Amino acid sequence: MKSIQHVQNALDDLALEVQNILMDISLNLTEKDNLMLPLLQQKKVLTQTLEDLKYLEAHPPSPNQPCGISKYRND
């Protein structure tokens, strides 16, 4: 599935952005927090998307049936 690789690439890019923010000594902690909050929210969404895609790849839905993705989630 190409979408799994695209999501993984996006997660890798986000991790690099967070690392760059953390290493920027010109920013104080409040500025770092403000810059990282949206990135960490994106990471949460992308991580859940990646888990869902991997589940669907391993357990493809039957034709004309719902995917059942919500059944395996804990949240």
PDB file of N, CA and C in Angstrom:
ATOM      1  N   MET A   1       0.837  -1.176   0.000  1.00  0.00           N
ATOM      2  CA  MET A   1       0.000   0.000   0.000  1.00  0.00           C
ATOM      3  C   MET A   1       0.885   1.244   0.000  1.00  0.00           C
ATOM      4  N   LYS A   2       0.736   2.057  -1.010  1.00  0.00           N
ATOM      5  CA  LYS A   2       1.537   3.272  -1.099  1.00  0.00           C
ATOM      6  C   LYS A   2       1.179   4.265  -0.008  1.00  0.00           C
ATOM      7  N   SER A   3      -0.075   4.285   0.403  1.00  0.00           N
ATOM      8  CA  SER A   3      -0.492   5.260   1.418  1.00  0.00           C
ATOM      9  C   SER A   3       0.232   5.029   2.743  1.00  0.00           C
ATOM     10  N   ILE A   4       0.566   3.789   3.057  1.00  0.00           N
ATOM     11  CA  ILE A   4       1.318   3.504   4.288  1.00  0.00           C
ATOM     12  C   ILE A   4       2.682   4.186   4.215  1.00  0.00           C
ATOM     13  N   GLN A   5       3.334   4.093   3.082  1.00  0.00           N
ATOM     14  CA  GLN A   5       4.653   4.727   2.930  1.00  0.00           C
ATOM     15  C   GLN A   5       4.545   6.247   2.996  1.00  0.00           C
ATOM     16  N   HIS A   6       3.486   6.813   2.418  1.00  0.00           N
ATOM     17  CA  HIS A   6       3.299   8.266   2.456  1.00  0.00           C
ATOM     18  C   HIS A   6       3.082   8.744   3.893  1.00  0.00           C
ATOM     19  N   VAL A   7       2.287   8.028   4.646  1.00  0.00           N
ATOM     20  CA  VAL A   7       2.047   8.400   6.042  1.00  0.00           C
ATOM     21  C   VAL A   7       3.330   8.247   6.857  1.00  0.00           C
ATOM     22  N   GLN A   8       4.083   7.187   6.613  1.00  0.00           N
ATOM     23  CA  GLN A   8       5.351   6.994   7.320  1.00  0.00           C
ATOM     24  C   GLN A   8       6.334   8.116   6.993  1.00  0.00           C
ATOM     25  N   ASN A   9       6.372   8.528   5.734  1.00  0.00           N
ATOM     26  CA  ASN A   9       7.237   9.643   5.345  1.00  0.00           C
ATOM     27  C   ASN A   9       6.819  10.935   6.045  1.00  0.00           C
ATOM     28  N   ALA A  10       5.517  11.161   6.151  1.00  0.00           N
ATOM     29  CA  ALA A  10       5.019  12.355   6.838  1.00  0.00           C
ATOM     30  C   ALA A  10       5.403  12.319   8.319  1.00  0.00           C
ATOM     31  N   LEU A  11       5.324  11.145   8.935  1.00  0.00           N
ATOM     32  CA  LEU A  11       5.730  11.015  10.344  1.00  0.00           C
ATOM     33  C   LEU A  11       7.229  11.279  10.508  1.00  0.00           C
ATOM     34  N   ASP A  12       8.020  10.791   9.585  1.00  0.00           N
ATOM     35  CA  ASP A  12       9.465  11.041   9.633  1.00  0.00           C
ATOM     36  C   ASP A  12       9.774  12.527   9.493  1.00  0.00           C
ATOM     37  N   ASP A  13       9.052  13.205   8.593  1.00  0.00           N
ATOM     38  CA  ASP A  13       9.237  14.644   8.413  1.00  0.00           C
ATOM     39  C   ASP A  13       8.854  15.413   9.675  1.00  0.00           C
ATOM     40  N   LEU A  14       7.751  15.006  10.306  1.00  0.00           N
ATOM     41  CA  LEU A  14       7.334  15.659  11.548  1.00  0.00           C
ATOM     42  C   LEU A  14       8.370  15.465  12.653  1.00  0.00           C
ATOM     43  N   ALA A  15       8.910  14.273  12.749  1.00  0.00           N
ATOM     44  CA  ALA A  15       9.930  14.009  13.770  1.00  0.00           C
ATOM     45  C   ALA A  15      11.152  14.901  13.548  1.00  0.00           C
ATOM     46  N   LEU A  16      11.517  15.109  12.301  1.00  0.00           N
ATOM     47  CA  LEU A  16      12.648  15.978  11.984  1.00  0.00           C
ATOM     48  C   LEU A  16      12.340  17.431  12.352  1.00  0.00           C
ATOM     49  N   GLU A  17      11.109  17.877  12.065  1.00  0.00           N
ATOM     50  CA  GLU A  17      10.712  19.238  12.437  1.00  0.00           C
ATOM     51  C   GLU A  17      10.759  19.436  13.947  1.00  0.00           C
ATOM     52  N   VAL A  18      10.246  18.473  14.692  1.00  0.00           N
ATOM     53  CA  VAL A  18      10.259  18.565  16.155  1.00  0.00           C
ATOM     54  C   VAL A  18      11.704  18.604  16.647  1.00  0.00           C
ATOM     55  N   GLN A  19      12.552  17.782  16.087  1.00  0.00           N
ATOM     56  CA  GLN A  19      13.965  17.756  16.483  1.00  0.00           C
ATOM     57  C   GLN A  19      14.621  19.112  16.214  1.00  0.00           C
ATOM     58  N   ASN A  20      14.321  19.701  15.064  1.00  0.00           N
ATOM     59  CA  ASN A  20      14.885  21.009  14.735  1.00  0.00           C
ATOM     60  C   ASN A  20      14.416  22.085  15.703  1.00  0.00           C
ATOM     61  N   ILE A  21      13.159  22.037  16.096  1.00  0.00           N
ATOM     62  CA  ILE A  21      12.643  23.005  17.064  1.00  0.00           C
ATOM     63  C   ILE A  21      13.330  22.817  18.411  1.00  0.00           C
ATOM     64  N   LEU A  22      13.472  21.570  18.834  1.00  0.00           N
ATOM     65  CA  LEU A  22      14.112  21.306  20.124  1.00  0.00           C
ATOM     66  C   LEU A  22      15.563  21.767  20.150  1.00  0.00           C
ATOM     67  N   MET A  23      16.251  21.651  19.040  1.00  0.00           N
ATOM     68  CA  MET A  23      17.669  22.009  18.984  1.00  0.00           C
ATOM     69  C   MET A  23      17.914  23.496  18.751  1.00  0.00           C
ATOM     70  N   ASP A  24      16.859  24.247  18.438  1.00  0.00           N
ATOM     71  CA  ASP A  24      17.005  25.682  18.175  1.00  0.00           C
ATOM     72  C   ASP A  24      17.178  26.424  19.496  1.00  0.00           C
ATOM     73  N   ILE A  25      18.385  26.860  19.774  1.00  0.00           N
ATOM     74  CA  ILE A  25      18.663  27.511  21.059  1.00  0.00           C
ATOM     75  C   ILE A  25      18.190  28.966  21.096  1.00  0.00           C
ATOM     76  N   SER A  26      17.777  29.509  19.953  1.00  0.00           N
ATOM     77  CA  SER A  26      17.284  30.885  19.939  1.00  0.00           C
ATOM     78  C   SER A  26      15.840  30.990  20.429  1.00  0.00           C
ATOM     79  N   LEU A  27      15.168  29.863  20.598  1.00  0.00           N
ATOM     80  CA  LEU A  27      13.774  29.860  21.061  1.00  0.00           C
ATOM     81  C   LEU A  27      13.713  29.538  22.546  1.00  0.00           C
ATOM     82  N   ASN A  28      12.831  30.238  23.253  1.00  0.00           N
ATOM     83  CA  ASN A  28      12.630  29.872  24.656  1.00  0.00           C
ATOM     84  C   ASN A  28      11.628  28.715  24.728  1.00  0.00           C
ATOM     85  N   LEU A  29      11.430  28.190  25.916  1.00  0.00           N
ATOM     86  CA  LEU A  29      10.575  26.998  26.068  1.00  0.00           C
ATOM     87  C   LEU A  29       9.128  27.251  25.656  1.00  0.00           C
ATOM     88  N   THR A  30       8.607  28.424  25.936  1.00  0.00           N
ATOM     89  CA  THR A  30       7.227  28.724  25.560  1.00  0.00           C
ATOM     90  C   THR A  30       7.069  28.742  24.049  1.00  0.00           C
ATOM     91  N   GLU A  31       8.022  29.346  23.361  1.00  0.00           N
ATOM     92  CA  GLU A  31       7.969  29.370  21.898  1.00  0.00           C
ATOM     93  C   GLU A  31       8.077  27.964  21.328  1.00  0.00           C
ATOM     94  N   LYS A  32       8.929  27.157  21.911  1.00  0.00           N
ATOM     95  CA  LYS A  32       9.066  25.776  21.455  1.00  0.00           C
ATOM     96  C   LYS A  32       7.761  25.013  21.654  1.00  0.00           C
ATOM     97  N   ASP A  33       7.136  25.197  22.816  1.00  0.00           N
ATOM     98  CA  ASP A  33       5.850  24.538  23.079  1.00  0.00           C
ATOM     99  C   ASP A  33       4.805  24.963  22.063  1.00  0.00           C
ATOM    100  N   ASN A  34       4.738  26.254  21.778  1.00  0.00           N
ATOM    101  CA  ASN A  34       3.743  26.768  20.832  1.00  0.00           C
ATOM    102  C   ASN A  34       3.978  26.241  19.422  1.00  0.00           C
ATOM    103  N   LEU A  35       5.231  26.070  19.049  1.00  0.00           N
ATOM    104  CA  LEU A  35       5.532  25.547  17.717  1.00  0.00           C
ATOM    105  C   LEU A  35       5.310  24.038  17.625  1.00  0.00           C
ATOM    106  N   MET A  36       5.550  23.334  18.717  1.00  0.00           N
ATOM    107  CA  MET A  36       5.461  21.866  18.677  1.00  0.00           C
ATOM    108  C   MET A  36       4.043  21.334  18.872  1.00  0.00           C
ATOM    109  N   LEU A  37       3.167  22.074  19.532  1.00  0.00           N
ATOM    110  CA  LEU A  37       1.818  21.569  19.798  1.00  0.00           C
ATOM    111  C   LEU A  37       1.093  21.130  18.524  1.00  0.00           C
ATOM    112  N   PRO A  38       1.008  21.971  17.488  1.00  0.00           N
ATOM    113  CA  PRO A  38       0.316  21.492  16.271  1.00  0.00           C
ATOM    114  C   PRO A  38       1.022  20.310  15.607  1.00  0.00           C
ATOM    115  N   LEU A  39       2.347  20.273  15.706  1.00  0.00           N
ATOM    116  CA  LEU A  39       3.080  19.150  15.117  1.00  0.00           C
ATOM    117  C   LEU A  39       2.774  17.849  15.853  1.00  0.00           C
ATOM    118  N   LEU A  40       2.680  17.918  17.163  1.00  0.00           N
ATOM    119  CA  LEU A  40       2.382  16.714  17.941  1.00  0.00           C
ATOM    120  C   LEU A  40       0.939  16.257  17.739  1.00  0.00           C
ATOM    121  N   GLN A  41       0.040  17.215  17.507  1.00  0.00           N
ATOM    122  CA  GLN A  41      -1.343  16.845  17.189  1.00  0.00           C
ATOM    123  C   GLN A  41      -1.394  16.143  15.835  1.00  0.00           C
ATOM    124  N   GLN A  42      -0.636  16.650  14.864  1.00  0.00           N
ATOM    125  CA  GLN A  42      -0.562  15.991  13.558  1.00  0.00           C
ATOM    126  C   GLN A  42       0.025  14.591  13.694  1.00  0.00           C
ATOM    127  N   LYS A  43       1.027  14.459  14.542  1.00  0.00           N
ATOM    128  CA  LYS A  43       1.662  13.159  14.746  1.00  0.00           C
ATOM    129  C   LYS A  43       0.652  12.146  15.285  1.00  0.00           C
ATOM    130  N   LYS A  44      -0.183  12.588  16.219  1.00  0.00           N
ATOM    131  CA  LYS A  44      -1.183  11.684  16.790  1.00  0.00           C
ATOM    132  C   LYS A  44      -2.145  11.186  15.704  1.00  0.00           C
ATOM    133  N   VAL A  45      -2.600  12.092  14.856  1.00  0.00           N
ATOM    134  CA  VAL A  45      -3.525  11.720  13.784  1.00  0.00           C
ATOM    135  C   VAL A  45      -2.841  10.794  12.777  1.00  0.00           C
ATOM    136  N   LEU A  46      -1.611  11.146  12.395  1.00  0.00           N
ATOM    137  CA  LEU A  46      -0.895  10.312  11.423  1.00  0.00           C
ATOM    138  C   LEU A  46      -0.569   8.929  11.985  1.00  0.00           C
ATOM    139  N   THR A  47      -0.247   8.857  13.266  1.00  0.00           N
ATOM    140  CA  THR A  47       0.048   7.564  13.889  1.00  0.00           C
ATOM    141  C   THR A  47      -1.191   6.676  13.879  1.00  0.00           C
ATOM    142  N   GLN A  48      -2.343   7.252  14.216  1.00  0.00           N
ATOM    143  CA  GLN A  48      -3.589   6.470  14.201  1.00  0.00           C
ATOM    144  C   GLN A  48      -3.925   6.039  12.773  1.00  0.00           C
ATOM    145  N   THR A  49      -3.705   6.928  11.817  1.00  0.00           N
ATOM    146  CA  THR A  49      -3.960   6.595  10.415  1.00  0.00           C
ATOM    147  C   THR A  49      -3.058   5.451   9.964  1.00  0.00           C
ATOM    148  N   LEU A  50      -1.794   5.510  10.349  1.00  0.00           N
ATOM    149  CA  LEU A  50      -0.857   4.445   9.985  1.00  0.00           C
ATOM    150  C   LEU A  50      -1.292   3.111  10.589  1.00  0.00           C
ATOM    151  N   GLU A  51      -1.693   3.115  11.847  1.00  0.00           N
ATOM    152  CA  GLU A  51      -2.163   1.884  12.488  1.00  0.00           C
ATOM    153  C   GLU A  51      -3.394   1.334  11.770  1.00  0.00           C
ATOM    154  N   ASP A  52      -4.321   2.230  11.419  1.00  0.00           N
ATOM    155  CA  ASP A  52      -5.535   1.804  10.719  1.00  0.00           C
ATOM    156  C   ASP A  52      -5.208   1.204   9.351  1.00  0.00           C
ATOM    157  N   LEU A  53      -4.305   1.852   8.624  1.00  0.00           N
ATOM    158  CA  LEU A  53      -3.937   1.339   7.298  1.00  0.00           C
ATOM    159  C   LEU A  53      -3.245  -0.019   7.389  1.00  0.00           C
ATOM    160  N   LYS A  54      -2.391  -0.170   8.382  1.00  0.00           N
ATOM    161  CA  LYS A  54      -1.722  -1.472   8.556  1.00  0.00           C
ATOM    162  C   LYS A  54      -2.725  -2.548   8.935  1.00  0.00           C
ATOM    163  N   TYR A  55      -3.698  -2.188   9.766  1.00  0.00           N
ATOM    164  CA  TYR A  55      -4.742  -3.152  10.124  1.00  0.00           C
ATOM    165  C   TYR A  55      -5.538  -3.555   8.882  1.00  0.00           C
ATOM    166  N   LEU A  56      -5.915  -2.559   8.084  1.00  0.00           N
ATOM    167  CA  LEU A  56      -6.698  -2.860   6.881  1.00  0.00           C
ATOM    168  C   LEU A  56      -5.894  -3.667   5.866  1.00  0.00           C
ATOM    169  N   GLU A  57      -4.599  -3.429   5.817  1.00  0.00           N
ATOM    170  CA  GLU A  57      -3.757  -4.212   4.913  1.00  0.00           C
ATOM    171  C   GLU A  57      -3.703  -5.672   5.368  1.00  0.00           C
ATOM    172  N   ALA A  58      -3.627  -5.896   6.678  1.00  0.00           N
ATOM    173  CA  ALA A  58      -3.558  -7.253   7.211  1.00  0.00           C
ATOM    174  C   ALA A  58      -4.924  -7.935   7.247  1.00  0.00           C
ATOM    175  N   HIS A  59      -5.995  -7.143   7.367  1.00  0.00           N
ATOM    176  CA  HIS A  59      -7.350  -7.679   7.472  1.00  0.00           C
ATOM    177  C   HIS A  59      -8.264  -6.959   6.479  1.00  0.00           C
ATOM    178  N   PRO A  60      -8.123  -7.231   5.194  1.00  0.00           N
ATOM    179  CA  PRO A  60      -8.960  -6.527   4.211  1.00  0.00           C
ATOM    180  C   PRO A  60     -10.442  -6.857   4.416  1.00  0.00           C
ATOM    181  N   PRO A  61     -11.308  -5.847   4.271  1.00  0.00           N
ATOM    182  CA  PRO A  61     -12.743  -6.088   4.455  1.00  0.00           C
ATOM    183  C   PRO A  61     -13.321  -6.931   3.314  1.00  0.00           C
ATOM    184  N   SER A  62     -14.366  -7.642   3.620  1.00  0.00           N
ATOM    185  CA  SER A  62     -15.076  -8.404   2.591  1.00  0.00           C
ATOM    186  C   SER A  62     -15.806  -7.426   1.677  1.00  0.00           C
ATOM    187  N   PRO A  63     -16.079  -7.839   0.455  1.00  0.00           N
ATOM    188  CA  PRO A  63     -16.828  -6.952  -0.442  1.00  0.00           C
ATOM    189  C   PRO A  63     -18.188  -6.571   0.150  1.00  0.00           C
ATOM    190  N   ASN A  64     -18.561  -5.328  -0.027  1.00  0.00           N
ATOM    191  CA  ASN A  64     -19.842  -4.783   0.438  1.00  0.00           C
ATOM    192  C   ASN A  64     -20.027  -4.874   1.948  1.00  0.00           C
ATOM    193  N   GLN A  65     -18.937  -4.865   2.687  1.00  0.00           N
ATOM    194  CA  GLN A  65     -18.998  -4.898   4.150  1.00  0.00           C
ATOM    195  C   GLN A  65     -18.212  -3.716   4.699  1.00  0.00           C
ATOM    196  N   PRO A  66     -18.625  -3.188   5.851  1.00  0.00           N
ATOM    197  CA  PRO A  66     -17.834  -2.119   6.466  1.00  0.00           C
ATOM    198  C   PRO A  66     -16.471  -2.654   6.876  1.00  0.00           C
ATOM    199  N   CYS A  67     -15.500  -1.781   6.970  1.00  0.00           N
ATOM    200  CA  CYS A  67     -14.137  -2.237   7.239  1.00  0.00           C
ATOM    201  C   CYS A  67     -13.966  -2.741   8.667  1.00  0.00           C
ATOM    202  N   GLY A  68     -14.780  -2.285   9.610  1.00  0.00           N
ATOM    203  CA  GLY A  68     -14.690  -2.765  10.985  1.00  0.00           C
ATOM    204  C   GLY A  68     -13.492  -2.230  11.737  1.00  0.00           C
ATOM    205  N   ILE A  69     -12.932  -1.122  11.272  1.00  0.00           N
ATOM    206  CA  ILE A  69     -11.725  -0.586  11.890  1.00  0.00           C
ATOM    207  C   ILE A  69     -11.967  -0.169  13.335  1.00  0.00           C
ATOM    208  N   SER A  70     -13.153   0.302  13.647  1.00  0.00           N
ATOM    209  CA  SER A  70     -13.414   0.772  15.016  1.00  0.00           C
ATOM    210  C   SER A  70     -13.473  -0.379  16.023  1.00  0.00           C
ATOM    211  N   LYS A  71     -13.650  -1.591  15.556  1.00  0.00           N
ATOM    212  CA  LYS A  71     -13.730  -2.731  16.467  1.00  0.00           C
ATOM    213  C   LYS A  71     -12.397  -3.080  17.099  1.00  0.00           C
ATOM    214  N   TYR A  72     -11.295  -2.803  16.394  1.00  0.00           N
ATOM    215  CA  TYR A  72      -9.999  -3.191  16.933  1.00  0.00           C
ATOM    216  C   TYR A  72      -9.374  -2.091  17.775  1.00  0.00           C
ATOM    217  N   ARG A  73      -9.850  -0.851  17.646  1.00  0.00           N
ATOM    218  CA  ARG A  73      -9.280   0.270  18.411  1.00  0.00           C
ATOM    219  C   ARG A  73      -9.647   0.179  19.870  1.00  0.00           C
ATOM    220  N   ASN A  74      -8.729   0.621  20.701  1.00  0.00           N
ATOM    221  CA  ASN A  74      -8.976   0.629  22.139  1.00  0.00           C
ATOM    222  C   ASN A  74      -9.640   1.903  22.623  1.00  0.00           C
ATOM    223  N   ASP A  75      -9.509   3.009  21.827  1.00  0.00           N
ATOM    224  CA  ASP A  75     -10.064   4.289  22.301  1.00  0.00           C
ATOM    225  C   ASP A  75     -11.436   4.563  21.792  1.00  0.00           C
TER     226      ASP A  75
END
